[in-house]
C-alpha atoms as a PDB file:
ATOM      1  CA  MET A   1       0.000   0.000   0.000  1.00  0.00           C
ATOM      2  CA  GLU A   2       1.280   3.413  -0.939  1.00  0.00           C
ATOM      3  CA  ILE A   3       0.585   6.382   1.351  1.00  0.00           C
ATOM      4  CA  ILE A   4       0.534   9.838  -0.221  1.00  0.00           C
ATOM      5  CA  ARG A   5       0.594  12.840   2.095  1.00  0.00           C
ATOM      6  CA  GLU A   6      -0.658  16.062   0.579  1.00  0.00           C
ATOM      7  CA  ALA A   7      -0.091  19.544   1.984  1.00  0.00           C
ATOM      8  CA  ASN A   8      -3.782  20.364   2.361  1.00  0.00           C
ATOM      9  CA  GLN A   9      -4.373  18.053   5.352  1.00  0.00           C
ATOM     10  CA  THR A  10      -5.103  15.132   3.017  1.00  0.00           C
ATOM     11  CA  LEU A  11      -3.916  11.527   3.089  1.00  0.00           C
ATOM     12  CA  ILE A  12      -4.368   9.158   0.162  1.00  0.00           C
ATOM     13  CA  PHE A  13      -3.989   5.424   0.727  1.00  0.00           C
ATOM     14  CA  LYS A  14      -3.490   3.630  -2.589  1.00  0.00           C
ATOM     15  CA  ILE A  15      -4.524   0.032  -1.931  1.00  0.00           C
ATOM     16  CA  SER A  16      -3.798  -2.724  -4.429  1.00  0.00           C
ATOM     17  CA  GLY A  17      -4.431  -6.437  -4.721  1.00  0.00           C
ATOM     18  CA  GLU A  18      -6.990  -8.252  -2.619  1.00  0.00           C
ATOM     19  CA  MET A  19      -8.797  -6.939   0.461  1.00  0.00           C
ATOM     20  CA  ASN A  20      -9.598 -10.115   2.336  1.00  0.00           C
ATOM     21  CA  LEU A  21      -9.276 -11.985   5.620  1.00  0.00           C
ATOM     22  CA  GLU A  22      -5.623 -12.684   4.924  1.00  0.00           C
ATOM     23  CA  ASN A  23      -4.530  -9.041   4.793  1.00  0.00           C
ATOM     24  CA  HIS A  24      -7.255  -6.846   6.291  1.00  0.00           C
ATOM     25  CA  SER A  25      -5.497  -6.489   9.675  1.00  0.00           C
ATOM     26  CA  ASN A  26      -2.273  -5.356   8.021  1.00  0.00           C
ATOM     27  CA  ILE A  27      -4.083  -2.773   5.880  1.00  0.00           C
ATOM     28  CA  LYS A  28      -6.118  -1.506   8.835  1.00  0.00           C
ATOM     29  CA  ASN A  29      -3.083  -1.160  11.088  1.00  0.00           C
ATOM     30  CA  LYS A  30      -1.108   0.776   8.456  1.00  0.00           C
ATOM     31  CA  ILE A  31      -3.999   3.166   7.880  1.00  0.00           C
ATOM     32  CA  LEU A  32      -4.757   3.748  11.565  1.00  0.00           C
ATOM     33  CA  GLU A  33      -1.062   4.282  12.361  1.00  0.00           C
ATOM     34  CA  SER A  34      -0.897   6.983   9.680  1.00  0.00           C
ATOM     35  CA  LEU A  35      -3.907   8.965  10.843  1.00  0.00           C
ATOM     36  CA  THR A  36      -2.856  11.942  12.920  1.00  0.00           C
ATOM     37  CA  SER A  37      -4.688  15.020  14.050  1.00  0.00           C
ATOM     38  CA  ASP A  38      -2.993  16.961  11.233  1.00  0.00           C
ATOM     39  CA  PHE A  39      -4.985  15.214   8.518  1.00  0.00           C
ATOM     40  CA  LYS A  40      -8.671  15.941   8.015  1.00  0.00           C
ATOM     41  CA  LYS A  41      -9.397  14.300   4.633  1.00  0.00           C
ATOM     42  CA  ILE A  42      -8.754  10.643   3.932  1.00  0.00           C
ATOM     43  CA  TYR A  43      -9.016   9.026   0.510  1.00  0.00           C
ATOM     44  CA  LEU A  44      -8.845   5.292  -0.015  1.00  0.00           C
ATOM     45  CA  ASP A  45      -7.807   4.848  -3.641  1.00  0.00           C
ATOM     46  CA  LEU A  46      -9.140   1.429  -4.594  1.00  0.00           C
ATOM     47  CA  SER A  47      -8.125   1.566  -8.261  1.00  0.00           C
ATOM     48  CA  GLY A  48      -5.708  -1.333  -7.757  1.00  0.00           C
ATOM     49  CA  VAL A  49      -8.036  -3.565  -5.738  1.00  0.00           C
ATOM     50  CA  THR A  50      -8.843  -6.762  -7.596  1.00  0.00           C
ATOM     51  CA  TYR A  51     -11.016  -8.572  -5.021  1.00  0.00           C
ATOM     52  CA  ILE A  52     -12.879  -7.793  -1.800  1.00  0.00           C
ATOM     53  CA  ASP A  53     -14.583 -10.177   0.622  1.00  0.00           C
ATOM     54  CA  SER A  54     -16.625  -9.594   3.778  1.00  0.00           C
ATOM     55  CA  SER A  55     -13.444  -8.925   5.781  1.00  0.00           C
ATOM     56  CA  GLY A  56     -12.491  -6.216   3.311  1.00  0.00           C
ATOM     57  CA  LEU A  57     -15.965  -4.709   3.566  1.00  0.00           C
ATOM     58  CA  GLY A  58     -15.704  -4.802   7.361  1.00  0.00           C
ATOM     59  CA  LEU A  59     -12.341  -3.059   7.102  1.00  0.00           C
ATOM     60  CA  LEU A  60     -13.824  -0.217   5.048  1.00  0.00           C
ATOM     61  CA  ILE A  61     -16.719   0.149   7.481  1.00  0.00           C
ATOM     62  CA  SER A  62     -14.468   0.211  10.571  1.00  0.00           C
ATOM     63  CA  ILE A  63     -12.147   2.814   9.029  1.00  0.00           C
ATOM     64  CA  GLU A  64     -15.130   4.985   8.052  1.00  0.00           C
ATOM     65  CA  LYS A  65     -16.485   4.803  11.614  1.00  0.00           C
ATOM     66  CA  TYR A  66     -13.062   5.614  13.098  1.00  0.00           C
ATOM     67  CA  VAL A  67     -12.640   8.572  10.761  1.00  0.00           C
ATOM     68  CA  LYS A  68     -16.078  10.003  11.597  1.00  0.00           C
ATOM     69  CA  THR A  69     -15.511   9.537  15.335  1.00  0.00           C
ATOM     70  CA  ASN A  70     -12.285  11.534  15.020  1.00  0.00           C
ATOM     71  CA  GLU A  71     -13.939  14.367  13.060  1.00  0.00           C
ATOM     72  CA  LYS A  72     -12.300  13.559   9.733  1.00  0.00           C
ATOM     73  CA  THR A  73     -13.808  12.699   6.354  1.00  0.00           C
ATOM     74  CA  MET A  74     -13.171   9.667   4.190  1.00  0.00           C
ATOM     75  CA  SER A  75     -13.924   9.051   0.528  1.00  0.00           C
ATOM     76  CA  LEU A  76     -13.460   5.996  -1.648  1.00  0.00           C
ATOM     77  CA  LYS A  77     -11.605   6.966  -4.803  1.00  0.00           C
ATOM     78  CA  ALA A  78     -11.402   5.301  -8.231  1.00  0.00           C
ATOM     79  CA  VAL A  79     -13.424   2.252  -7.196  1.00  0.00           C
ATOM     80  CA  PRO A  80     -13.326  -0.477  -9.889  1.00  0.00           C
ATOM     81  CA  ALA A  81     -16.736  -1.503 -11.251  1.00  0.00           C
ATOM     82  CA  ASP A  82     -16.514  -5.017  -9.773  1.00  0.00           C
ATOM     83  CA  ILE A  83     -15.728  -3.674  -6.297  1.00  0.00           C
ATOM     84  CA  LYS A  84     -18.449  -1.008  -6.576  1.00  0.00           C
ATOM     85  CA  ARG A  85     -20.934  -3.743  -7.461  1.00  0.00           C
ATOM     86  CA  VAL A  86     -20.011  -5.691  -4.297  1.00  0.00           C
ATOM     87  CA  LEU A  87     -20.498  -2.521  -2.225  1.00  0.00           C
ATOM     88  CA  ASP A  88     -23.868  -1.886  -3.897  1.00  0.00           C
ATOM     89  CA  LEU A  89     -25.059  -5.477  -3.415  1.00  0.00           C
ATOM     90  CA  SER A  90     -24.025  -5.251   0.239  1.00  0.00           C
ATOM     91  CA  GLY A  91     -26.220  -2.178   0.713  1.00  0.00           C
ATOM     92  CA  LEU A  92     -23.243   0.120   1.283  1.00  0.00           C
ATOM     93  CA  GLU A  93     -23.677   2.416  -1.722  1.00  0.00           C
ATOM     94  CA  ASN A  94     -24.981   5.210   0.537  1.00  0.00           C
ATOM     95  CA  PHE A  95     -22.694   4.502   3.502  1.00  0.00           C
ATOM     96  CA  PHE A  96     -19.562   5.737   1.740  1.00  0.00           C
ATOM     97  CA  HIS A  97     -18.727   8.877  -0.191  1.00  0.00           C
ATOM     98  CA  PHE A  98     -17.341   8.085  -3.662  1.00  0.00           C
ATOM     99  CA  VAL A  99     -15.104  10.239  -5.852  1.00  0.00           C
ATOM    100  CA  ASP A 100     -13.536   9.555  -9.238  1.00  0.00           C
END
């Protein structure tokens, strides 16, 4: 996972590969360790994600809840059509904010 820090209080996490039970803890820990009070906007760039299972969905939900609790905003960026379909079928299309 690549972490891009921008000057305008923005962090972009570029996630690639699979988001599943095997790696969700590693991804979550890296993201939570990077969140500081200095950053207000969080983008999860999912353009490189090839597969997501229920653990990956749970990861996205827990990060969104953490971000909101800490008065930050999170958006999902460049979500591949297959991943977006999983989010829609799971009833999460209105839970997250999406950007291109």
